[in-house]
C-alpha atoms as a PDB file:
ATOM      1  CA  UNK A   1     -17.344 -50.258 -50.763  1.00  0.00           C
ATOM      2  CA  UNK A   2     -14.699 -49.431 -53.391  1.00  0.00           C
ATOM      3  CA  UNK A   3     -15.881 -51.399 -56.384  1.00  0.00           C
ATOM      4  CA  UNK A   4     -15.584 -49.088 -59.343  1.00  0.00           C
ATOM      5  CA  UNK A   5     -12.914 -46.430 -58.924  1.00  0.00           C
ATOM      6  CA  UNK A   6     -12.810 -44.722 -62.295  1.00  0.00           C
ATOM      7  CA  UNK A   7      -9.957 -42.419 -61.332  1.00  0.00           C
ATOM      8  CA  UNK A   8      -7.610 -45.438 -61.257  1.00  0.00           C
ATOM      9  CA  UNK A   9      -8.901 -46.654 -64.608  1.00  0.00           C
ATOM     10  CA  UNK A  10      -8.403 -43.217 -66.115  1.00  0.00           C
ATOM     11  CA  UNK A  11      -4.870 -42.920 -64.726  1.00  0.00           C
ATOM     12  CA  UNK A  12      -4.089 -46.387 -66.106  1.00  0.00           C
ATOM     13  CA  UNK A  13      -5.472 -45.473 -69.521  1.00  0.00           C
ATOM     14  CA  UNK A  14      -3.507 -42.215 -69.541  1.00  0.00           C
ATOM     15  CA  UNK A  15      -0.239 -43.983 -68.651  1.00  0.00           C
ATOM     16  CA  UNK A  16      -0.895 -46.695 -71.253  1.00  0.00           C
ATOM     17  CA  UNK A  17      -1.604 -44.069 -73.905  1.00  0.00           C
ATOM     18  CA  UNK A  18       1.634 -42.274 -73.032  1.00  0.00           C
ATOM     19  CA  UNK A  19       3.543 -45.547 -73.364  1.00  0.00           C
ATOM     20  CA  UNK A  20       1.983 -46.337 -76.735  1.00  0.00           C
ATOM     21  CA  UNK A  21       2.719 -42.834 -78.021  1.00  0.00           C
ATOM     22  CA  UNK A  22       6.320 -43.094 -76.812  1.00  0.00           C
ATOM     23  CA  UNK A  23       6.711 -46.275 -78.884  1.00  0.00           C
ATOM     24  CA  UNK A  24       5.507 -44.446 -82.007  1.00  0.00           C
ATOM     25  CA  UNK A  25       7.784 -41.466 -81.350  1.00  0.00           C
ATOM     26  CA  UNK A  26      10.794 -43.733 -80.760  1.00  0.00           C
ATOM     27  CA  UNK A  27      10.066 -45.535 -84.040  1.00  0.00           C
ATOM     28  CA  UNK A  28       9.931 -42.181 -85.828  1.00  0.00           C
ATOM     29  CA  UNK A  29      13.270 -41.116 -84.352  1.00  0.00           C
ATOM     30  CA  UNK A  30      14.857 -44.467 -85.197  1.00  0.00           C
ATOM     31  CA  UNK A  31      13.851 -43.958 -88.827  1.00  0.00           C
ATOM     32  CA  UNK A  32      14.957 -40.313 -89.036  1.00  0.00           C
ATOM     33  CA  UNK A  33      17.551 -41.175 -91.715  1.00  0.00           C
ATOM     34  CA  UNK A  34      15.472 -43.749 -93.602  1.00  0.00           C
ATOM     35  CA  UNK A  35      14.697 -42.416 -97.090  1.00  0.00           C
ATOM     36  CA  UNK A  36      10.972 -42.221 -97.774  1.00  0.00           C
ATOM     37  CA  UNK A  37       9.889 -42.876 -94.174  1.00  0.00           C
ATOM     38  CA  UNK A  38       6.876 -40.873 -93.046  1.00  0.00           C
ATOM     39  CA  UNK A  39       6.378 -40.192 -89.324  1.00  0.00           C
ATOM     40  CA  UNK A  40       3.341 -41.460 -87.432  1.00  0.00           C
ATOM     41  CA  UNK A  41       1.505 -40.357 -84.298  1.00  0.00           C
ATOM     42  CA  UNK A  42      -1.584 -41.413 -82.347  1.00  0.00           C
ATOM     43  CA  UNK A  43      -4.684 -39.493 -81.374  1.00  0.00           C
ATOM     44  CA  UNK A  44      -4.521 -37.316 -78.265  1.00  0.00           C
ATOM     45  CA  UNK A  45      -5.586 -39.083 -75.080  1.00  0.00           C
ATOM     46  CA  UNK A  46      -8.418 -36.691 -74.270  1.00  0.00           C
ATOM     47  CA  UNK A  47      -9.972 -36.941 -77.740  1.00  0.00           C
ATOM     48  CA  UNK A  48      -9.739 -40.710 -77.845  1.00  0.00           C
ATOM     49  CA  UNK A  49     -10.912 -41.309 -74.283  1.00  0.00           C
ATOM     50  CA  UNK A  50     -13.920 -39.005 -74.603  1.00  0.00           C
ATOM     51  CA  UNK A  51     -15.045 -40.432 -77.920  1.00  0.00           C
ATOM     52  CA  UNK A  52     -14.445 -44.102 -77.113  1.00  0.00           C
ATOM     53  CA  UNK A  53     -17.390 -44.431 -74.741  1.00  0.00           C
ATOM     54  CA  UNK A  54     -15.960 -47.705 -73.501  1.00  0.00           C
ATOM     55  CA  UNK A  55     -14.925 -48.815 -70.087  1.00  0.00           C
ATOM     56  CA  UNK A  56     -11.231 -49.176 -69.458  1.00  0.00           C
ATOM     57  CA  UNK A  57     -10.461 -52.784 -68.628  1.00  0.00           C
ATOM     58  CA  UNK A  58      -7.225 -54.362 -67.501  1.00  0.00           C
ATOM     59  CA  UNK A  59      -5.202 -55.617 -70.442  1.00  0.00           C
ATOM     60  CA  UNK A  60      -3.610 -59.041 -70.291  1.00  0.00           C
ATOM     61  CA  UNK A  61      -0.157 -59.568 -71.754  1.00  0.00           C
ATOM     62  CA  UNK A  62      -0.850 -63.285 -72.164  1.00  0.00           C
ATOM     63  CA  UNK A  63      -3.848 -65.603 -71.932  1.00  0.00           C
ATOM     64  CA  UNK A  64      -5.235 -65.952 -68.408  1.00  0.00           C
ATOM     65  CA  UNK A  65      -3.079 -63.159 -67.023  1.00  0.00           C
ATOM     66  CA  UNK A  66      -5.034 -61.159 -64.414  1.00  0.00           C
ATOM     67  CA  UNK A  67      -8.308 -62.143 -66.109  1.00  0.00           C
ATOM     68  CA  UNK A  68      -7.769 -59.169 -68.394  1.00  0.00           C
ATOM     69  CA  UNK A  69      -8.813 -58.739 -71.972  1.00  0.00           C
ATOM     70  CA  UNK A  70      -6.394 -59.078 -74.874  1.00  0.00           C
ATOM     71  CA  UNK A  71      -8.240 -56.672 -77.148  1.00  0.00           C
ATOM     72  CA  UNK A  72      -6.417 -53.968 -79.048  1.00  0.00           C
ATOM     73  CA  UNK A  73      -6.359 -50.449 -77.692  1.00  0.00           C
ATOM     74  CA  UNK A  74      -8.517 -47.767 -79.322  1.00  0.00           C
ATOM     75  CA  UNK A  75      -5.655 -45.407 -80.155  1.00  0.00           C
ATOM     76  CA  UNK A  76      -5.355 -45.320 -83.872  1.00  0.00           C
ATOM     77  CA  UNK A  77      -2.054 -44.477 -85.452  1.00  0.00           C
ATOM     78  CA  UNK A  78      -1.989 -42.002 -88.322  1.00  0.00           C
ATOM     79  CA  UNK A  79       0.609 -40.544 -90.657  1.00  0.00           C
ATOM     80  CA  UNK A  80       1.867 -37.056 -89.807  1.00  0.00           C
ATOM     81  CA  UNK A  81       2.253 -34.303 -92.406  1.00  0.00           C
ATOM     82  CA  UNK A  82       5.825 -34.584 -93.771  1.00  0.00           C
ATOM     83  CA  UNK A  83       8.365 -31.846 -93.033  1.00  0.00           C
ATOM     84  CA  UNK A  84       9.618 -31.503 -96.634  1.00  0.00           C
ATOM     85  CA  UNK A  85      12.979 -33.283 -96.498  1.00  0.00           C
ATOM     86  CA  UNK A  86      14.658 -33.677 -99.926  1.00  0.00           C
ATOM     87  CA  UNK A  87      15.075 -37.433 -99.317  1.00  0.00           C
ATOM     88  CA  UNK A  88      11.274 -37.694 -98.856  1.00  0.00           C
ATOM     89  CA  UNK A  89      11.792 -38.444 -95.178  1.00  0.00           C
ATOM     90  CA  UNK A  90       9.207 -36.544 -93.145  1.00  0.00           C
ATOM     91  CA  UNK A  91      10.764 -36.962 -89.679  1.00  0.00           C
ATOM     92  CA  UNK A  92      11.820 -33.829 -87.830  1.00  0.00           C
ATOM     93  CA  UNK A  93      13.992 -34.904 -84.902  1.00  0.00           C
ATOM     94  CA  UNK A  94      13.277 -31.632 -83.083  1.00  0.00           C
ATOM     95  CA  UNK A  95       9.504 -32.139 -83.337  1.00  0.00           C
ATOM     96  CA  UNK A  96       9.841 -35.727 -82.160  1.00  0.00           C
ATOM     97  CA  UNK A  97      11.896 -34.595 -79.163  1.00  0.00           C
ATOM     98  CA  UNK A  98       9.172 -32.101 -78.213  1.00  0.00           C
ATOM     99  CA  UNK A  99       6.578 -34.861 -78.531  1.00  0.00           C
ATOM    100  CA  UNK A 100       8.708 -37.117 -76.311  1.00  0.00           C
ATOM    101  CA  UNK A 101       8.815 -34.404 -73.626  1.00  0.00           C
ATOM    102  CA  UNK A 102       5.033 -34.005 -73.887  1.00  0.00           C
ATOM    103  CA  UNK A 103       4.585 -37.765 -73.479  1.00  0.00           C
ATOM    104  CA  UNK A 104       6.850 -37.834 -70.420  1.00  0.00           C
ATOM    105  CA  UNK A 105       4.757 -35.081 -68.850  1.00  0.00           C
ATOM    106  CA  UNK A 106       1.570 -37.007 -69.618  1.00  0.00           C
ATOM    107  CA  UNK A 107       2.999 -40.140 -68.016  1.00  0.00           C
ATOM    108  CA  UNK A 108       4.169 -38.179 -64.959  1.00  0.00           C
ATOM    109  CA  UNK A 109       0.692 -36.625 -64.691  1.00  0.00           C
ATOM    110  CA  UNK A 110      -0.914 -40.079 -64.784  1.00  0.00           C
ATOM    111  CA  UNK A 111       1.405 -41.276 -61.996  1.00  0.00           C
ATOM    112  CA  UNK A 112       0.676 -38.164 -59.921  1.00  0.00           C
ATOM    113  CA  UNK A 113      -3.076 -38.765 -60.299  1.00  0.00           C
ATOM    114  CA  UNK A 114      -2.621 -42.382 -59.264  1.00  0.00           C
ATOM    115  CA  UNK A 115      -0.461 -41.524 -56.225  1.00  0.00           C
ATOM    116  CA  UNK A 116      -2.805 -38.749 -55.122  1.00  0.00           C
ATOM    117  CA  UNK A 117      -5.808 -41.070 -55.444  1.00  0.00           C
ATOM    118  CA  UNK A 118      -4.011 -43.724 -53.405  1.00  0.00           C
ATOM    119  CA  UNK A 119      -3.339 -41.151 -50.668  1.00  0.00           C
ATOM    120  CA  UNK A 120      -7.014 -40.133 -50.626  1.00  0.00           C
ATOM    121  CA  UNK A 121      -8.051 -43.795 -50.475  1.00  0.00           C
ATOM    122  CA  UNK A 122      -5.627 -44.507 -47.636  1.00  0.00           C
ATOM    123  CA  UNK A 123      -6.849 -41.455 -45.733  1.00  0.00           C
ATOM    124  CA  UNK A 124     -10.460 -42.516 -46.144  1.00  0.00           C
ATOM    125  CA  UNK A 125      -9.575 -45.890 -44.668  1.00  0.00           C
ATOM    126  CA  UNK A 126      -7.816 -44.233 -41.734  1.00  0.00           C
ATOM    127  CA  UNK A 127      -4.327 -45.246 -42.855  1.00  0.00           C
ATOM    128  CA  UNK A 128      -1.478 -42.925 -43.716  1.00  0.00           C
END
């Protein structure tokens, strides 16, 4: 009956993307005072998800875990245009904070989609 629910896969992929982007942003902020460090970012979720053309599978954190795959995720990291710091450090803490807020909103959106889909599924099964 409910074999392939893509809305759950999409919400999972969106939350995973937000988590991966948060890692990159945190690394940028941690290196804000490192001379010569250039900030990084990853592709936007929508662009990556639309162009990947692949199915979203569960990802295993170790061998045999949930029968998931251990393949790498398709979100490629790239170097951001530097902000022009005299120490050749391209990190702008303000920009990184705005990115962190954007990522939190993306993660919250993914959770809202998941919760809403669960409510629809429960309602369709006659449970509330």
